[in-house]
Each structure stands twice: as C-alpha cells, then as structure tokens.
C-alpha cells in the first residue's frame, strides 16, 4: 500500500522499508530528489520538513524552479479490447475518450 503525506504544500509518497525498519518519504513533482526516513508519523513530518527546506534552499541558491513542469500529455498503452471498452464508456457518458480518461484519472488521483 502506498500512502501520501502533504508537508508545507508538497506531496510525498510514504512507504515502509522492511530492510531498515523505517518509513521512507519521497517528495513527488519536484525538479530533483528529496527523501526522508523516520520510524513514526511525527518523525516523518519533522524529517520531511527538514528535507524539503534543504531542497528548496538549494534550488533558491542555484536559481532553479523547485517544481517540475509537466506538459499535460502522456501516452498510455492498453490492450485493444480495453481500448474498445473505454471508447464505449466514454460515448455512453457523452464525452470524448480524452475527457472521459482525464475525468477518471482526476477522480482516482483525488479519491
């Protein structure tokens, strides 16, 4: 199971690493890597704030935008039968395939 945590407006994915018996957080959507480790939730928050602050300070120092830019376009490969099912579902909803997929992904991402 993958969980997320928001620290100072930035989202991090949290996973448990059984090899080191710690939780690992990694900020997503940044122009570089910023991760952190802790044994509990409070530790994750504290270490996440430190890691994020160091990352943002380095970006400011180097004149780099800390947030990664996304184009809004990506390719997804699915089996032909699923493609046909998606087209039918979109048509039944009165939407283009693109709009139906975008709406479905938005729902899934914000559930």
N, C-alpha and C. Protein backbone atom coordinates (compact mmCIF):
# COMPACT_ATOMS: atom_id res chain seq x y z
N UNK A 1 0.84 -1.18 0.00
CA UNK A 1 0.00 0.00 0.00
C UNK A 1 0.88 1.24 0.00
N UNK A 2 0.54 2.20 -0.84
CA UNK A 2 1.28 3.45 -0.91
C UNK A 2 0.41 4.55 -0.33
N UNK A 3 0.98 5.35 0.53
CA UNK A 3 0.27 6.46 1.15
C UNK A 3 0.99 7.76 0.83
N UNK A 4 0.27 8.85 0.97
CA UNK A 4 0.88 10.15 0.75
C UNK A 4 0.73 11.02 1.98
N UNK A 5 1.61 12.00 2.06
CA UNK A 5 1.60 12.97 3.14
C UNK A 5 1.90 14.32 2.51
N UNK A 6 1.21 15.35 2.92
CA UNK A 6 1.49 16.69 2.41
C UNK A 6 2.23 17.47 3.49
N UNK A 7 3.37 18.00 3.10
CA UNK A 7 4.20 18.78 4.01
C UNK A 7 4.45 20.13 3.37
N UNK A 8 3.99 21.17 4.02
CA UNK A 8 4.15 22.54 3.53
C UNK A 8 3.69 22.69 2.08
N UNK A 9 2.60 22.02 1.73
CA UNK A 9 2.02 22.14 0.40
C UNK A 9 2.62 21.21 -0.64
N UNK A 10 3.60 20.41 -0.28
CA UNK A 10 4.23 19.48 -1.21
C UNK A 10 3.87 18.05 -0.82
N UNK A 11 3.51 17.22 -1.81
CA UNK A 11 3.09 15.85 -1.55
C UNK A 11 4.30 14.91 -1.57
N UNK A 12 4.29 14.00 -0.62
CA UNK A 12 5.33 12.97 -0.55
C UNK A 12 4.65 11.60 -0.50
N UNK A 13 5.25 10.64 -1.17
CA UNK A 13 4.78 9.25 -1.13
C UNK A 13 5.52 8.58 0.03
N UNK A 14 4.76 7.87 0.86
CA UNK A 14 5.33 7.21 2.04
C UNK A 14 5.23 5.69 1.86
N UNK A 15 6.34 5.00 2.08
CA UNK A 15 6.36 3.54 2.03
C UNK A 15 7.19 3.03 3.20
N UNK A 16 6.89 1.82 3.61
CA UNK A 16 7.67 1.19 4.68
C UNK A 16 8.78 0.37 4.05
N UNK A 17 10.01 0.54 4.55
CA UNK A 17 11.15 -0.23 4.07
C UNK A 17 11.51 -1.26 5.14
N UNK A 18 11.12 -2.53 4.93
CA UNK A 18 11.36 -3.54 5.96
C UNK A 18 12.84 -3.85 6.18
N UNK A 19 13.69 -3.59 5.19
CA UNK A 19 15.12 -3.89 5.35
C UNK A 19 15.76 -3.02 6.42
N UNK A 20 15.33 -1.76 6.51
CA UNK A 20 15.91 -0.86 7.51
C UNK A 20 14.91 -0.54 8.63
N UNK A 21 13.71 -1.12 8.52
CA UNK A 21 12.66 -0.95 9.51
C UNK A 21 12.32 0.52 9.77
N UNK A 22 12.22 1.28 8.67
CA UNK A 22 11.84 2.70 8.74
C UNK A 22 10.85 3.02 7.63
N UNK A 23 10.11 4.08 7.83
CA UNK A 23 9.27 4.60 6.77
C UNK A 23 10.13 5.53 5.92
N UNK A 24 9.91 5.49 4.61
CA UNK A 24 10.64 6.36 3.69
C UNK A 24 9.63 7.27 3.00
N UNK A 25 9.92 8.55 3.01
CA UNK A 25 9.10 9.52 2.29
C UNK A 25 9.90 10.08 1.14
N UNK A 26 9.23 10.29 0.02
CA UNK A 26 9.88 10.90 -1.14
C UNK A 26 8.92 11.91 -1.75
N UNK A 27 9.37 13.15 -1.85
CA UNK A 27 8.55 14.19 -2.45
C UNK A 27 8.43 13.94 -3.95
N UNK A 28 7.24 14.15 -4.48
CA UNK A 28 6.99 13.94 -5.89
C UNK A 28 6.66 15.28 -6.54
N UNK A 29 6.95 15.37 -7.84
CA UNK A 29 6.66 16.60 -8.58
C UNK A 29 7.71 17.68 -8.42
N UNK A 30 8.88 17.31 -7.93
CA UNK A 30 9.96 18.27 -7.76
C UNK A 30 11.00 18.10 -8.87
N UNK A 31 11.83 19.11 -9.05
CA UNK A 31 12.90 19.09 -10.04
C UNK A 31 14.16 18.42 -9.49
N UNK A 32 13.99 17.44 -8.67
CA UNK A 32 15.12 16.73 -8.07
C UNK A 32 14.61 15.84 -6.97
N UNK A 33 15.52 15.12 -6.36
CA UNK A 33 15.14 14.19 -5.32
C UNK A 33 15.20 14.81 -3.94
N UNK A 34 14.18 14.53 -3.16
CA UNK A 34 14.15 14.95 -1.76
C UNK A 34 13.43 13.85 -1.00
N UNK A 35 14.20 13.06 -0.25
CA UNK A 35 13.59 11.97 0.50
C UNK A 35 13.96 12.09 1.98
N UNK A 36 13.29 11.28 2.80
CA UNK A 36 13.49 11.35 4.23
C UNK A 36 13.03 10.04 4.86
N UNK A 37 13.55 9.74 6.05
CA UNK A 37 13.26 8.48 6.74
C UNK A 37 12.91 8.76 8.19
N UNK A 38 12.02 7.93 8.74
CA UNK A 38 11.69 8.03 10.16
C UNK A 38 10.96 6.76 10.59
N UNK A 39 10.89 6.58 11.90
CA UNK A 39 10.25 5.39 12.47
C UNK A 39 8.75 5.59 12.71
N UNK A 40 8.29 6.85 12.73
CA UNK A 40 6.89 7.10 13.03
C UNK A 40 6.39 8.35 12.29
N UNK A 41 5.11 8.61 12.41
CA UNK A 41 4.48 9.72 11.68
C UNK A 41 5.07 11.07 12.08
N UNK A 42 5.21 11.31 13.36
CA UNK A 42 5.77 12.59 13.81
C UNK A 42 7.19 12.78 13.27
N UNK A 43 7.96 11.70 13.30
CA UNK A 43 9.32 11.75 12.75
C UNK A 43 9.31 12.03 11.26
N UNK A 44 8.35 11.42 10.53
CA UNK A 44 8.24 11.69 9.09
C UNK A 44 7.95 13.16 8.83
N UNK A 45 7.04 13.73 9.61
CA UNK A 45 6.71 15.16 9.43
C UNK A 45 7.95 16.02 9.68
N UNK A 46 8.63 15.74 10.78
CA UNK A 46 9.81 16.53 11.14
C UNK A 46 10.92 16.39 10.09
N UNK A 47 11.24 15.15 9.74
CA UNK A 47 12.31 14.90 8.76
C UNK A 47 11.92 15.39 7.37
N UNK A 48 10.64 15.28 7.04
CA UNK A 48 10.16 15.78 5.74
C UNK A 48 10.32 17.28 5.63
N UNK A 49 9.99 17.99 6.70
CA UNK A 49 10.15 19.45 6.70
C UNK A 49 11.61 19.84 6.52
N UNK A 50 12.51 19.12 7.18
CA UNK A 50 13.95 19.40 7.06
C UNK A 50 14.42 19.12 5.64
N UNK A 51 14.06 17.96 5.10
CA UNK A 51 14.48 17.59 3.75
C UNK A 51 13.95 18.59 2.72
N UNK A 52 12.70 18.97 2.86
CA UNK A 52 12.10 19.93 1.93
C UNK A 52 12.78 21.29 2.03
N UNK A 53 13.04 21.74 3.24
CA UNK A 53 13.69 23.04 3.44
C UNK A 53 15.09 23.05 2.79
N UNK A 54 15.85 21.98 2.98
CA UNK A 54 17.19 21.88 2.38
C UNK A 54 17.06 21.91 0.85
N UNK A 55 16.10 21.14 0.30
CA UNK A 55 15.91 21.10 -1.14
C UNK A 55 15.53 22.48 -1.68
N UNK A 56 14.56 23.13 -1.05
CA UNK A 56 14.11 24.45 -1.52
C UNK A 56 15.22 25.49 -1.40
N UNK A 57 16.00 25.43 -0.33
CA UNK A 57 17.13 26.36 -0.17
C UNK A 57 18.16 26.15 -1.28
N UNK A 58 18.45 24.89 -1.61
CA UNK A 58 19.42 24.61 -2.68
C UNK A 58 18.89 25.12 -4.02
N UNK A 59 17.61 24.95 -4.28
CA UNK A 59 17.02 25.44 -5.53
C UNK A 59 17.13 26.96 -5.61
N UNK A 60 16.83 27.63 -4.51
CA UNK A 60 16.92 29.10 -4.48
C UNK A 60 18.35 29.55 -4.71
N UNK A 61 19.28 28.86 -4.08
CA UNK A 61 20.70 29.19 -4.22
C UNK A 61 21.18 29.01 -5.66
N UNK A 62 20.68 27.97 -6.33
CA UNK A 62 21.09 27.67 -7.71
C UNK A 62 20.21 28.34 -8.75
N UNK A 63 19.16 29.05 -8.33
CA UNK A 63 18.25 29.70 -9.26
C UNK A 63 17.40 28.72 -10.06
N UNK A 64 17.04 27.60 -9.44
CA UNK A 64 16.27 26.55 -10.11
C UNK A 64 14.85 26.54 -9.56
N UNK A 65 13.87 26.41 -10.46
CA UNK A 65 12.49 26.26 -10.02
C UNK A 65 12.36 24.90 -9.35
N UNK A 66 11.90 24.85 -8.11
CA UNK A 66 11.84 23.56 -7.41
C UNK A 66 10.75 22.62 -7.93
N UNK A 67 9.73 23.18 -8.58
CA UNK A 67 8.60 22.38 -9.03
C UNK A 67 8.80 21.96 -10.48
N UNK A 68 8.69 20.69 -10.73
CA UNK A 68 8.83 20.14 -12.08
C UNK A 68 7.64 20.56 -12.94
N UNK A 69 7.92 20.97 -14.16
CA UNK A 69 6.86 21.34 -15.10
C UNK A 69 6.39 20.10 -15.86
N UNK A 70 5.08 19.98 -16.02
CA UNK A 70 4.50 18.86 -16.76
C UNK A 70 3.78 19.40 -17.99
N UNK A 71 3.85 18.67 -19.10
CA UNK A 71 3.27 19.13 -20.36
C UNK A 71 1.77 18.90 -20.43
N UNK A 72 1.25 17.97 -19.64
CA UNK A 72 -0.16 17.63 -19.73
C UNK A 72 -0.43 16.54 -20.76
N UNK A 73 0.64 15.98 -21.33
CA UNK A 73 0.49 14.92 -22.32
C UNK A 73 1.31 13.71 -21.89
N UNK A 74 0.73 12.52 -22.05
CA UNK A 74 1.47 11.28 -21.86
C UNK A 74 0.76 10.18 -22.62
N UNK A 75 1.51 9.16 -23.00
CA UNK A 75 0.95 8.03 -23.75
C UNK A 75 0.67 6.88 -22.80
N UNK A 76 -0.43 6.22 -23.04
CA UNK A 76 -0.79 5.04 -22.26
C UNK A 76 -1.08 3.91 -23.24
N UNK A 77 -0.45 2.78 -23.05
CA UNK A 77 -0.72 1.62 -23.90
C UNK A 77 -1.61 0.65 -23.15
N UNK A 78 -2.71 0.27 -23.80
CA UNK A 78 -3.66 -0.67 -23.20
C UNK A 78 -3.99 -1.74 -24.25
N UNK A 79 -4.48 -2.87 -23.81
CA UNK A 79 -4.89 -3.90 -24.78
C UNK A 79 -6.04 -3.37 -25.66
N UNK A 80 -6.09 -3.81 -26.91
CA UNK A 80 -7.16 -3.35 -27.82
C UNK A 80 -8.56 -3.54 -27.27
N UNK A 81 -8.80 -4.62 -26.56
CA UNK A 81 -10.15 -4.84 -26.01
C UNK A 81 -10.49 -3.80 -24.95
N UNK A 82 -9.52 -3.43 -24.13
CA UNK A 82 -9.76 -2.38 -23.15
C UNK A 82 -9.98 -1.05 -23.84
N UNK A 83 -9.21 -0.77 -24.87
CA UNK A 83 -9.37 0.47 -25.65
C UNK A 83 -10.82 0.57 -26.15
N UNK A 84 -11.32 -0.53 -26.71
CA UNK A 84 -12.71 -0.54 -27.20
C UNK A 84 -13.70 -0.29 -26.06
N UNK A 85 -13.46 -0.91 -24.91
CA UNK A 85 -14.35 -0.72 -23.76
C UNK A 85 -14.33 0.73 -23.28
N UNK A 86 -13.16 1.35 -23.30
CA UNK A 86 -13.03 2.75 -22.87
C UNK A 86 -13.77 3.69 -23.82
N UNK A 87 -13.64 3.44 -25.12
CA UNK A 87 -14.36 4.26 -26.10
C UNK A 87 -15.87 4.15 -25.86
N UNK A 88 -16.35 2.94 -25.60
CA UNK A 88 -17.77 2.74 -25.36
C UNK A 88 -18.23 3.44 -24.07
N UNK A 89 -17.42 3.34 -23.02
CA UNK A 89 -17.77 4.00 -21.75
C UNK A 89 -17.80 5.52 -21.92
N UNK A 90 -16.85 6.05 -22.67
CA UNK A 90 -16.82 7.49 -22.92
C UNK A 90 -18.05 7.93 -23.71
N UNK A 91 -18.38 7.18 -24.74
CA UNK A 91 -19.56 7.52 -25.56
C UNK A 91 -20.83 7.46 -24.72
N UNK A 92 -20.94 6.45 -23.86
CA UNK A 92 -22.12 6.32 -23.01
C UNK A 92 -22.24 7.50 -22.04
N UNK A 93 -21.10 8.08 -21.66
CA UNK A 93 -21.10 9.24 -20.76
C UNK A 93 -21.22 10.56 -21.52
N UNK A 94 -21.27 10.47 -22.86
CA UNK A 94 -21.39 11.68 -23.68
C UNK A 94 -20.11 12.50 -23.70
N UNK A 95 -18.97 11.82 -23.59
CA UNK A 95 -17.68 12.51 -23.55
C UNK A 95 -16.75 11.94 -24.60
N UNK A 96 -15.75 12.75 -24.95
CA UNK A 96 -14.67 12.23 -25.79
C UNK A 96 -13.86 11.25 -24.94
N UNK A 97 -13.12 10.38 -25.59
CA UNK A 97 -12.27 9.44 -24.86
C UNK A 97 -11.28 10.21 -23.99
N UNK A 98 -10.70 11.26 -24.53
CA UNK A 98 -9.72 12.05 -23.78
C UNK A 98 -10.35 12.64 -22.52
N UNK A 99 -11.54 13.24 -22.66
CA UNK A 99 -12.19 13.85 -21.49
C UNK A 99 -12.59 12.80 -20.47
N UNK A 100 -13.10 11.67 -20.95
CA UNK A 100 -13.50 10.60 -20.04
C UNK A 100 -12.31 10.08 -19.25
N UNK A 101 -11.17 9.85 -19.94
CA UNK A 101 -9.97 9.38 -19.28
C UNK A 101 -9.46 10.43 -18.29
N UNK A 102 -9.43 11.71 -18.70
CA UNK A 102 -8.98 12.77 -17.81
C UNK A 102 -9.85 12.83 -16.55
N UNK A 103 -11.17 12.75 -16.73
CA UNK A 103 -12.09 12.77 -15.58
C UNK A 103 -11.86 11.57 -14.67
N UNK A 104 -11.68 10.40 -15.27
CA UNK A 104 -11.46 9.18 -14.48
C UNK A 104 -10.14 9.26 -13.70
N UNK A 105 -9.11 9.75 -14.34
CA UNK A 105 -7.82 9.88 -13.68
C UNK A 105 -7.90 10.91 -12.56
N UNK A 106 -8.62 12.01 -12.80
CA UNK A 106 -8.78 13.04 -11.76
C UNK A 106 -9.49 12.45 -10.55
N UNK A 107 -10.55 11.69 -10.80
CA UNK A 107 -11.28 11.04 -9.69
C UNK A 107 -10.37 10.10 -8.91
N UNK A 108 -9.60 9.28 -9.63
CA UNK A 108 -8.72 8.32 -8.97
C UNK A 108 -7.61 9.02 -8.19
N UNK A 109 -7.07 10.08 -8.73
CA UNK A 109 -5.96 10.78 -8.09
C UNK A 109 -6.39 11.54 -6.83
N UNK A 110 -7.66 11.90 -6.77
CA UNK A 110 -8.15 12.70 -5.64
C UNK A 110 -9.11 11.93 -4.74
N UNK A 111 -9.11 10.62 -4.85
CA UNK A 111 -10.00 9.79 -4.04
C UNK A 111 -9.52 9.72 -2.60
